[in-house]
C-alpha atoms as a PDB file:
ATOM      1  CA  UNK A   1     150.373  65.175 -46.305  1.00  0.00           C
ATOM      2  CA  UNK A   2     152.065  68.543 -45.978  1.00  0.00           C
ATOM      3  CA  UNK A   3     155.448  67.648 -44.587  1.00  0.00           C
ATOM      4  CA  UNK A   4     158.775  68.969 -45.780  1.00  0.00           C
ATOM      5  CA  UNK A   5     161.412  66.408 -46.554  1.00  0.00           C
ATOM      6  CA  UNK A   6     165.115  66.375 -47.267  1.00  0.00           C
ATOM      7  CA  UNK A   7     164.530  64.051 -50.171  1.00  0.00           C
ATOM      8  CA  UNK A   8     163.230  65.435 -53.418  1.00  0.00           C
ATOM      9  CA  UNK A   9     160.432  63.876 -55.418  1.00  0.00           C
ATOM     10  CA  UNK A  10     159.612  66.131 -58.315  1.00  0.00           C
ATOM     11  CA  UNK A  11     156.339  64.766 -59.655  1.00  0.00           C
ATOM     12  CA  UNK A  12     154.461  65.677 -62.818  1.00  0.00           C
ATOM     13  CA  UNK A  13     151.934  67.406 -60.571  1.00  0.00           C
ATOM     14  CA  UNK A  14     154.638  69.636 -59.055  1.00  0.00           C
ATOM     15  CA  UNK A  15     156.126  70.404 -62.468  1.00  0.00           C
ATOM     16  CA  UNK A  16     152.670  71.212 -63.855  1.00  0.00           C
ATOM     17  CA  UNK A  17     151.914  73.561 -60.948  1.00  0.00           C
ATOM     18  CA  UNK A  18     155.192  75.382 -61.621  1.00  0.00           C
ATOM     19  CA  UNK A  19     154.394  75.590 -65.334  1.00  0.00           C
ATOM     20  CA  UNK A  20     150.853  76.861 -64.703  1.00  0.00           C
ATOM     21  CA  UNK A  21     152.106  79.524 -62.269  1.00  0.00           C
ATOM     22  CA  UNK A  22     154.816  80.624 -64.650  1.00  0.00           C
ATOM     23  CA  UNK A  23     152.419  80.805 -67.611  1.00  0.00           C
ATOM     24  CA  UNK A  24     150.236  83.199 -65.588  1.00  0.00           C
ATOM     25  CA  UNK A  25     153.272  85.387 -64.859  1.00  0.00           C
ATOM     26  CA  UNK A  26     152.871  84.979 -61.101  1.00  0.00           C
ATOM     27  CA  UNK A  27     155.709  84.814 -58.617  1.00  0.00           C
ATOM     28  CA  UNK A  28     155.792  82.207 -55.874  1.00  0.00           C
ATOM     29  CA  UNK A  29     155.432  84.964 -53.305  1.00  0.00           C
ATOM     30  CA  UNK A  30     152.308  86.383 -54.926  1.00  0.00           C
ATOM     31  CA  UNK A  31     150.695  82.948 -55.306  1.00  0.00           C
ATOM     32  CA  UNK A  32     151.487  82.180 -51.684  1.00  0.00           C
ATOM     33  CA  UNK A  33     149.897  85.424 -50.527  1.00  0.00           C
ATOM     34  CA  UNK A  34     146.797  84.904 -52.666  1.00  0.00           C
ATOM     35  CA  UNK A  35     146.378  81.405 -51.204  1.00  0.00           C
ATOM     36  CA  UNK A  36     147.013  82.407 -47.604  1.00  0.00           C
ATOM     37  CA  UNK A  37     150.394  80.659 -47.616  1.00  0.00           C
ATOM     38  CA  UNK A  38     153.974  81.784 -48.130  1.00  0.00           C
ATOM     39  CA  UNK A  39     156.178  81.901 -51.193  1.00  0.00           C
ATOM     40  CA  UNK A  40     158.356  79.322 -49.460  1.00  0.00           C
ATOM     41  CA  UNK A  41     155.383  76.957 -49.246  1.00  0.00           C
ATOM     42  CA  UNK A  42     154.852  77.248 -53.014  1.00  0.00           C
ATOM     43  CA  UNK A  43     158.573  76.767 -53.635  1.00  0.00           C
ATOM     44  CA  UNK A  44     158.704  73.626 -51.492  1.00  0.00           C
ATOM     45  CA  UNK A  45     155.845  72.129 -53.514  1.00  0.00           C
ATOM     46  CA  UNK A  46     157.226  73.117 -56.907  1.00  0.00           C
ATOM     47  CA  UNK A  47     160.702  71.812 -56.093  1.00  0.00           C
ATOM     48  CA  UNK A  48     159.524  68.451 -54.801  1.00  0.00           C
ATOM     49  CA  UNK A  49     160.361  68.973 -51.140  1.00  0.00           C
ATOM     50  CA  UNK A  50     156.712  68.942 -50.116  1.00  0.00           C
ATOM     51  CA  UNK A  51     153.836  66.875 -51.432  1.00  0.00           C
ATOM     52  CA  UNK A  52     151.434  68.568 -53.824  1.00  0.00           C
ATOM     53  CA  UNK A  53     148.492  69.732 -51.712  1.00  0.00           C
ATOM     54  CA  UNK A  54     145.138  68.013 -51.803  1.00  0.00           C
ATOM     55  CA  UNK A  55     141.583  69.251 -51.411  1.00  0.00           C
ATOM     56  CA  UNK A  56     140.935  72.942 -50.803  1.00  0.00           C
ATOM     57  CA  UNK A  57     144.612  73.965 -50.855  1.00  0.00           C
ATOM     58  CA  UNK A  58     145.024  72.458 -54.331  1.00  0.00           C
ATOM     59  CA  UNK A  59     141.702  73.937 -55.471  1.00  0.00           C
ATOM     60  CA  UNK A  60     142.845  77.447 -54.446  1.00  0.00           C
ATOM     61  CA  UNK A  61     145.974  77.076 -56.595  1.00  0.00           C
ATOM     62  CA  UNK A  62     144.033  75.695 -59.539  1.00  0.00           C
ATOM     63  CA  UNK A  63     141.515  78.554 -59.341  1.00  0.00           C
ATOM     64  CA  UNK A  64     144.386  81.038 -59.595  1.00  0.00           C
ATOM     65  CA  UNK A  65     145.797  79.193 -62.590  1.00  0.00           C
ATOM     66  CA  UNK A  66     142.466  78.864 -64.395  1.00  0.00           C
ATOM     67  CA  UNK A  67     142.181  75.092 -64.140  1.00  0.00           C
ATOM     68  CA  UNK A  68     138.542  74.170 -63.772  1.00  0.00           C
ATOM     69  CA  UNK A  69     138.764  71.131 -61.517  1.00  0.00           C
ATOM     70  CA  UNK A  70     141.055  68.778 -59.695  1.00  0.00           C
ATOM     71  CA  UNK A  71     140.065  66.090 -62.204  1.00  0.00           C
ATOM     72  CA  UNK A  72     141.201  68.362 -65.071  1.00  0.00           C
ATOM     73  CA  UNK A  73     144.472  68.959 -63.237  1.00  0.00           C
ATOM     74  CA  UNK A  74     145.048  65.231 -62.666  1.00  0.00           C
ATOM     75  CA  UNK A  75     144.358  64.498 -66.338  1.00  0.00           C
ATOM     76  CA  UNK A  76     146.802  67.220 -67.442  1.00  0.00           C
ATOM     77  CA  UNK A  77     149.418  66.045 -64.951  1.00  0.00           C
ATOM     78  CA  UNK A  78     149.254  62.459 -66.185  1.00  0.00           C
ATOM     79  CA  UNK A  79     150.121  63.673 -69.709  1.00  0.00           C
ATOM     80  CA  UNK A  80     152.456  66.511 -68.730  1.00  0.00           C
ATOM     81  CA  UNK A  81     155.905  66.436 -70.272  1.00  0.00           C
ATOM     82  CA  UNK A  82     158.063  69.406 -69.503  1.00  0.00           C
ATOM     83  CA  UNK A  83     160.891  70.263 -71.850  1.00  0.00           C
ATOM     84  CA  UNK A  84     163.834  71.397 -69.800  1.00  0.00           C
ATOM     85  CA  UNK A  85     167.262  72.519 -70.885  1.00  0.00           C
ATOM     86  CA  UNK A  86     170.416  70.614 -70.000  1.00  0.00           C
ATOM     87  CA  UNK A  87     171.338  73.439 -67.641  1.00  0.00           C
ATOM     88  CA  UNK A  88     167.969  73.251 -65.859  1.00  0.00           C
ATOM     89  CA  UNK A  89     168.334  69.489 -65.538  1.00  0.00           C
ATOM     90  CA  UNK A  90     171.778  69.925 -63.980  1.00  0.00           C
ATOM     91  CA  UNK A  91     170.346  72.394 -61.459  1.00  0.00           C
ATOM     92  CA  UNK A  92     167.519  69.978 -60.613  1.00  0.00           C
ATOM     93  CA  UNK A  93     169.966  67.138 -60.119  1.00  0.00           C
ATOM     94  CA  UNK A  94     172.261  69.286 -57.984  1.00  0.00           C
ATOM     95  CA  UNK A  95     169.316  69.952 -55.671  1.00  0.00           C
ATOM     96  CA  UNK A  96     169.397  66.230 -54.920  1.00  0.00           C
ATOM     97  CA  UNK A  97     173.062  66.097 -53.921  1.00  0.00           C
ATOM     98  CA  UNK A  98     174.540  66.435 -50.476  1.00  0.00           C
ATOM     99  CA  UNK A  99     177.353  68.864 -49.636  1.00  0.00           C
ATOM    100  CA  UNK A 100     180.143  66.410 -50.469  1.00  0.00           C
ATOM    101  CA  UNK A 101     178.582  65.389 -53.787  1.00  0.00           C
ATOM    102  CA  UNK A 102     178.072  69.029 -54.745  1.00  0.00           C
ATOM    103  CA  UNK A 103     181.719  69.763 -53.952  1.00  0.00           C
ATOM    104  CA  UNK A 104     182.849  66.845 -56.141  1.00  0.00           C
ATOM    105  CA  UNK A 105     180.688  68.018 -59.051  1.00  0.00           C
ATOM    106  CA  UNK A 106     182.055  71.554 -58.697  1.00  0.00           C
ATOM    107  CA  UNK A 107     185.658  70.308 -58.751  1.00  0.00           C
ATOM    108  CA  UNK A 108     184.900  68.174 -61.805  1.00  0.00           C
ATOM    109  CA  UNK A 109     183.340  71.077 -63.725  1.00  0.00           C
ATOM    110  CA  UNK A 110     186.209  73.402 -62.778  1.00  0.00           C
ATOM    111  CA  UNK A 111     188.703  70.784 -63.967  1.00  0.00           C
ATOM    112  CA  UNK A 112     186.853  70.378 -67.257  1.00  0.00           C
ATOM    113  CA  UNK A 113     186.855  74.107 -67.897  1.00  0.00           C
ATOM    114  CA  UNK A 114     190.467  74.624 -66.790  1.00  0.00           C
ATOM    115  CA  UNK A 115     191.869  71.774 -68.881  1.00  0.00           C
ATOM    116  CA  UNK A 116     189.631  72.224 -71.877  1.00  0.00           C
ATOM    117  CA  UNK A 117     188.194  68.910 -70.807  1.00  0.00           C
ATOM    118  CA  UNK A 118     185.213  69.234 -73.100  1.00  0.00           C
ATOM    119  CA  UNK A 119     187.545  69.244 -76.094  1.00  0.00           C
ATOM    120  CA  UNK A 120     189.377  66.238 -74.668  1.00  0.00           C
ATOM    121  CA  UNK A 121     186.061  64.419 -74.292  1.00  0.00           C
ATOM    122  CA  UNK A 122     185.275  65.064 -77.955  1.00  0.00           C
ATOM    123  CA  UNK A 123     182.439  67.502 -77.250  1.00  0.00           C
ATOM    124  CA  UNK A 124     182.290  70.404 -79.696  1.00  0.00           C
ATOM    125  CA  UNK A 125     181.455  73.669 -78.011  1.00  0.00           C
END
């Protein structure tokens, strides 16, 4: 299915596609153009807002990234473990919040910084 959703489901397949694109030094816009899609389409897939494509659409991406077959891709995806920084994880989680939740997180972070809250929590900077 190729529908866009408000929920986010960032699968290993989506993370692997992002990693493969990045390792080739390609932008989302360029990949989209080379596949007859848009950069937004690639972004929606890589950020979990759209299902990873199947069939020919997936094959076009894999050809660009040098992956020989869909079976190879599925095998790599099943074992894929991406190392992400704490900051990247925060950004990923924030993508999942609604406007009110984002506002609450922002206020919390501002309060921590303003009151040296990290020191108060016993976290060494």
